[in-house]
Amino acid sequence: MKDLFGKAILDYQTNNSPEDLITETTISEEDEMSVAYLFRSYNEMPNMEQKALQLAKGKILDVGCGAGSHSLYLQNELNLEVTAIDISSNAIQACSLRGIKDARVQDVMTLENETYDTILLLMNGAGMCGKLKNIPNFLVKLKSLLNPGGQILLDSSDIIYMFDDDEDGGKWIPSDNEYYGEVVFNIAYKGEKEKPFNWMYIDYNTLQNAAFANGLKSELVLEGEHYDYLAKLSI
């Protein structure tokens, strides 16, 4: 991994001539993403993210924290204890420069001997498990990191709307996908291309079933206008 996503974040934080990220997936065309969006303030965040931050409580783990905007708000404005983790060393360096007290290069699947009251998986954080077959292990791991009465707050989208209608009035979905929410992401930055990686958008019913199968309760907190939602999972 070239860590181009993290490089863009660090370039923006250090004023090192940041450029837009170029993203493309197996179901969407090339698109430009301004890195500045990752540095948004609470007032600039979508309603769904604001709601998640309002619900956050106790000791918090921000998984896939990126530029750390959610962690920064919780730490500085709500005076909560936050651990921000990401597999990107560049992103974590930017988080530290922004003043996040506990920012670590860490894969959540290898995190041990720590528990939290709130685990955040925002900006479609559950997608990091890549494929639907990985969701059981992912949820079991997150559950093991929860304190009694703890919660997992995550947002995602049901991307069924992106597929064409077939002759029967249903949706035409390529058969090589195990699950229609699975995509392959390509990222380019400053003329370099990242190695393609798997990502997943999980619809709420599928998430709810997976949660139940792995000993977690699921609650639909908020539904957006674009097939997106915020969910809370708890023991």
Protein backbone atom coordinates (compact mmCIF):
# COMPACT_ATOMS: atom_id res chain seq x y z
CA MET A 1 0.00 0.00 0.00
CA LYS A 2 1.39 3.40 -1.02
CA ASP A 3 -0.84 5.16 1.52
CA LEU A 4 -1.88 7.79 -1.02
CA PHE A 5 -5.06 8.62 0.91
CA GLY A 6 -2.95 9.34 3.98
CA LYS A 7 -0.40 11.24 1.89
CA ALA A 8 -3.15 13.57 0.66
CA ILE A 9 -4.27 14.15 4.26
CA LEU A 10 -0.75 14.90 5.45
CA ASP A 11 -0.07 17.16 2.46
CA TYR A 12 -3.18 19.17 3.32
CA GLN A 13 -2.26 19.40 7.01
CA THR A 14 1.31 20.55 6.24
CA ASN A 15 0.40 22.80 3.26
CA ASN A 16 2.51 20.63 0.97
CA SER A 17 0.68 21.48 -2.29
CA PRO A 18 -2.33 19.17 -1.71
CA GLU A 19 -4.32 18.07 -4.74
CA ASP A 20 -7.70 16.38 -5.17
CA LEU A 21 -7.89 12.61 -4.75
CA ILE A 22 -9.14 10.73 -7.80
CA THR A 23 -11.46 7.87 -6.87
CA GLU A 24 -13.11 5.21 -9.03
CA THR A 25 -14.97 2.01 -8.21
CA THR A 26 -16.30 -0.99 -10.11
CA ILE A 27 -19.75 0.66 -10.12
CA SER A 28 -18.87 4.36 -10.39
CA GLU A 29 -16.84 6.47 -12.76
CA GLU A 30 -13.76 8.51 -11.93
CA ASP A 31 -14.49 11.31 -9.48
CA GLU A 32 -12.47 14.06 -7.83
CA MET A 33 -12.56 14.41 -4.05
CA SER A 34 -11.28 17.49 -2.28
CA VAL A 35 -9.07 16.53 0.67
CA ALA A 36 -10.36 19.64 2.46
CA TYR A 37 -13.65 17.76 3.01
CA LEU A 38 -11.87 15.41 5.42
CA PHE A 39 -10.94 18.41 7.58
CA ARG A 40 -14.50 19.66 8.02
CA SER A 41 -15.75 21.18 11.26
CA TYR A 42 -18.74 19.84 13.19
CA ASN A 43 -21.02 22.45 11.57
CA GLU A 44 -19.89 21.29 8.12
CA MET A 45 -20.55 17.62 8.80
CA PRO A 46 -23.61 15.79 7.43
CA ASN A 47 -26.52 15.45 9.84
CA MET A 48 -25.81 11.74 10.24
CA GLU A 49 -22.27 12.31 11.47
CA GLN A 50 -23.42 15.07 13.82
CA LYS A 51 -26.01 12.69 15.29
CA ALA A 52 -23.36 9.99 15.84
CA LEU A 53 -21.12 12.45 17.67
CA GLN A 54 -24.05 13.54 19.83
CA LEU A 55 -24.63 9.90 20.83
CA ALA A 56 -20.96 9.18 21.54
CA LYS A 57 -20.19 8.71 25.21
CA GLY A 58 -17.55 7.48 27.63
CA LYS A 59 -14.23 6.17 26.36
CA ILE A 60 -14.26 6.27 22.56
CA LEU A 61 -12.48 4.37 19.79
CA ASP A 62 -12.58 6.11 16.39
CA VAL A 63 -11.82 3.37 13.84
CA GLY A 64 -10.47 4.47 10.46
CA CYS A 65 -10.20 8.01 11.76
CA GLY A 66 -8.66 9.50 8.60
CA ALA A 67 -7.87 13.17 9.20
CA GLY A 68 -9.35 12.88 12.70
CA SER A 69 -12.13 15.47 12.46
CA HIS A 70 -14.60 13.40 14.50
CA SER A 71 -12.02 12.61 17.19
CA LEU A 72 -10.93 16.23 17.39
CA TYR A 73 -14.49 17.41 18.03
CA LEU A 74 -15.12 14.78 20.71
CA GLN A 75 -11.79 15.49 22.41
CA ASN A 76 -11.78 19.30 22.25
CA GLU A 77 -15.46 20.24 22.35
CA LEU A 78 -16.98 17.43 24.45
CA ASN A 79 -13.88 16.69 26.57
CA LEU A 80 -14.17 12.94 25.96
CA GLU A 81 -11.33 10.41 26.02
CA VAL A 82 -10.72 9.39 22.42
CA THR A 83 -8.38 6.89 20.80
CA ALA A 84 -8.09 7.53 17.05
CA ILE A 85 -6.78 4.64 14.95
CA ASP A 86 -6.04 4.17 11.25
CA ILE A 87 -3.82 1.86 9.23
CA SER A 88 -2.42 4.95 7.47
CA SER A 89 0.75 6.25 9.13
CA ASN A 90 0.47 9.49 7.16
CA ALA A 91 -3.08 10.09 8.37
CA ILE A 92 -2.07 9.39 11.98
CA GLN A 93 0.83 11.82 11.66
CA ALA A 94 -1.67 14.46 10.51
CA CYS A 95 -3.98 13.60 13.44
CA SER A 96 -1.11 14.11 15.88
CA LEU A 97 -0.22 17.44 14.25
CA ARG A 98 -3.87 18.49 14.65
CA GLY A 99 -3.62 17.86 18.38
CA ILE A 100 -5.28 14.47 18.87
CA LYS A 101 -3.71 13.17 22.07
CA ASP A 102 -4.03 9.43 21.39
CA ALA A 103 -3.63 8.74 17.67
CA ARG A 104 -2.18 5.37 16.63
CA VAL A 105 -1.28 3.42 13.52
CA GLN A 106 -3.41 0.38 14.28
CA ASP A 107 -5.59 -2.20 12.55
CA VAL A 108 -8.70 -2.68 14.69
CA MET A 109 -8.55 -6.44 14.06
CA THR A 110 -5.24 -6.63 15.96
CA LEU A 111 -6.22 -4.37 18.85
CA GLU A 112 -5.99 -6.25 22.15
CA ASN A 113 -6.54 -5.75 25.89
CA GLU A 114 -8.56 -2.54 25.61
CA THR A 115 -12.28 -1.86 25.85
CA TYR A 116 -14.44 1.13 25.02
CA ASP A 117 -17.88 2.59 25.64
CA THR A 118 -18.34 3.84 22.08
CA ILE A 119 -16.79 2.56 18.85
CA LEU A 120 -17.18 4.89 15.87
CA LEU A 121 -17.18 3.64 12.26
CA LEU A 122 -18.13 6.77 10.34
CA MET A 123 -17.91 7.59 6.63
CA ASN A 124 -18.98 4.01 5.89
CA GLY A 125 -16.39 2.59 8.26
CA ALA A 126 -17.90 -0.91 8.25
CA GLY A 127 -16.82 -1.11 4.63
CA MET A 128 -13.24 -1.65 5.69
CA CYS A 129 -13.90 -5.36 6.18
CA GLY A 130 -14.04 -5.50 2.37
CA LYS A 131 -16.46 -8.34 1.76
CA LEU A 132 -19.67 -9.58 3.35
CA LYS A 133 -18.05 -12.91 4.29
CA ASN A 134 -15.72 -10.97 6.61
CA ILE A 135 -18.52 -9.25 8.56
CA PRO A 136 -18.99 -11.97 11.23
CA ASN A 137 -15.33 -11.87 12.33
CA PHE A 138 -15.37 -8.08 12.14
CA LEU A 139 -18.44 -7.77 14.38
CA VAL A 140 -17.15 -10.36 16.85
CA LYS A 141 -13.90 -8.39 17.14
CA LEU A 142 -15.73 -5.09 17.71
CA LYS A 143 -17.98 -6.77 20.29
CA SER A 144 -14.88 -7.95 22.20
CA LEU A 145 -13.71 -4.31 22.44
CA LEU A 146 -16.96 -3.07 24.02
CA ASN A 147 -17.50 -2.37 27.70
CA PRO A 148 -20.82 -3.53 29.23
CA GLY A 149 -23.48 -1.12 27.98
CA GLY A 150 -21.20 -0.06 25.13
CA GLN A 151 -22.25 0.83 21.60
CA ILE A 152 -20.99 0.73 18.02
CA LEU A 153 -22.13 3.68 15.87
CA LEU A 154 -21.77 3.25 12.12
CA ASP A 155 -23.13 4.73 8.94
CA SER A 156 -23.42 3.17 5.51
CA SER A 157 -25.55 3.18 2.38
CA ASP A 158 -27.73 0.75 0.47
CA ILE A 159 -26.30 1.11 -3.05
CA ILE A 160 -28.98 -1.01 -4.77
CA TYR A 161 -30.20 2.21 -6.43
CA MET A 162 -26.98 2.35 -8.49
CA PHE A 163 -27.88 -0.78 -10.45
CA ASP A 164 -30.04 -0.82 -13.57
CA ASP A 165 -33.55 -2.25 -13.61
CA ASP A 166 -33.97 -5.59 -15.36
CA GLU A 167 -36.91 -6.76 -17.49
CA ASP A 168 -38.71 -8.23 -14.49
CA GLY A 169 -38.74 -4.96 -12.56
CA GLY A 170 -35.92 -6.04 -10.26
CA LYS A 171 -32.31 -4.94 -10.35
CA TRP A 172 -29.64 -6.30 -12.68
CA ILE A 173 -26.63 -7.17 -10.52
CA PRO A 174 -23.43 -8.71 -11.94
CA SER A 175 -23.20 -12.34 -10.84
CA ASP A 176 -19.50 -12.16 -9.99
CA ASN A 177 -20.33 -10.21 -6.83
CA GLU A 178 -21.02 -12.28 -3.73
CA TYR A 179 -23.06 -9.30 -2.48
CA TYR A 180 -24.14 -6.26 -4.45
CA GLY A 181 -22.62 -3.88 -1.87
CA GLU A 182 -19.09 -5.13 -2.58
CA VAL A 183 -16.95 -2.88 -4.76
CA VAL A 184 -13.31 -2.51 -5.71
CA PHE A 185 -11.85 0.94 -5.06
CA ASN A 186 -9.11 2.64 -7.05
CA ILE A 187 -7.42 5.79 -5.74
CA ALA A 188 -4.94 8.06 -7.51
CA TYR A 189 -3.08 11.05 -6.11
CA LYS A 190 -0.48 13.32 -7.70
CA GLY A 191 -0.06 10.95 -10.63
CA GLU A 192 0.39 7.81 -8.49
CA LYS A 193 -2.08 4.94 -8.32
CA GLU A 194 -2.88 2.97 -5.19
CA LYS A 195 -3.22 -0.80 -5.35
CA PRO A 196 -6.96 -1.58 -5.82
CA PHE A 197 -8.71 -2.61 -2.61
CA ASN A 198 -12.03 -4.17 -1.62
CA TRP A 199 -14.69 -2.06 0.07
CA MET A 200 -18.29 -2.71 1.04
CA TYR A 201 -21.50 -0.76 1.43
CA ILE A 202 -23.86 -2.76 3.62
CA ASP A 203 -27.63 -2.28 3.56
CA TYR A 204 -29.33 -2.03 6.94
CA ASN A 205 -31.25 -5.32 6.79
CA THR A 206 -28.07 -7.26 6.00
CA LEU A 207 -26.26 -5.48 8.83
CA GLN A 208 -29.11 -6.18 11.23
CA ASN A 209 -29.11 -9.89 10.37
CA ALA A 210 -25.33 -10.12 10.75
CA ALA A 211 -25.46 -8.30 14.07
CA PHE A 212 -28.16 -10.61 15.40
CA ALA A 213 -26.25 -13.71 14.26
CA ASN A 214 -23.22 -12.50 16.21
CA GLY A 215 -24.91 -11.57 19.48
CA LEU A 216 -25.48 -7.87 18.87
CA LYS A 217 -28.67 -5.83 18.98
CA SER A 218 -29.22 -3.39 16.12
CA GLU A 219 -31.12 -0.13 16.06
CA LEU A 220 -31.76 2.11 13.05
CA VAL A 221 -31.04 5.58 14.44
CA LEU A 222 -31.42 7.76 11.36
CA GLU A 223 -32.21 7.37 7.68
CA GLY A 224 -30.89 9.84 5.12
CA GLU A 225 -32.32 10.97 1.80
CA HIS A 226 -29.77 9.08 -0.28
CA TYR A 227 -30.28 5.46 0.89
CA ASP A 228 -27.86 6.16 3.74
CA TYR A 229 -28.40 5.43 7.42
CA LEU A 230 -26.90 5.57 10.90
CA ALA A 231 -27.11 2.42 13.03
CA LYS A 232 -26.30 1.59 16.63
CA LEU A 233 -25.16 -1.90 17.60
CA SER A 234 -25.00 -2.99 21.24
CA ILE A 235 -24.63 -6.13 23.33
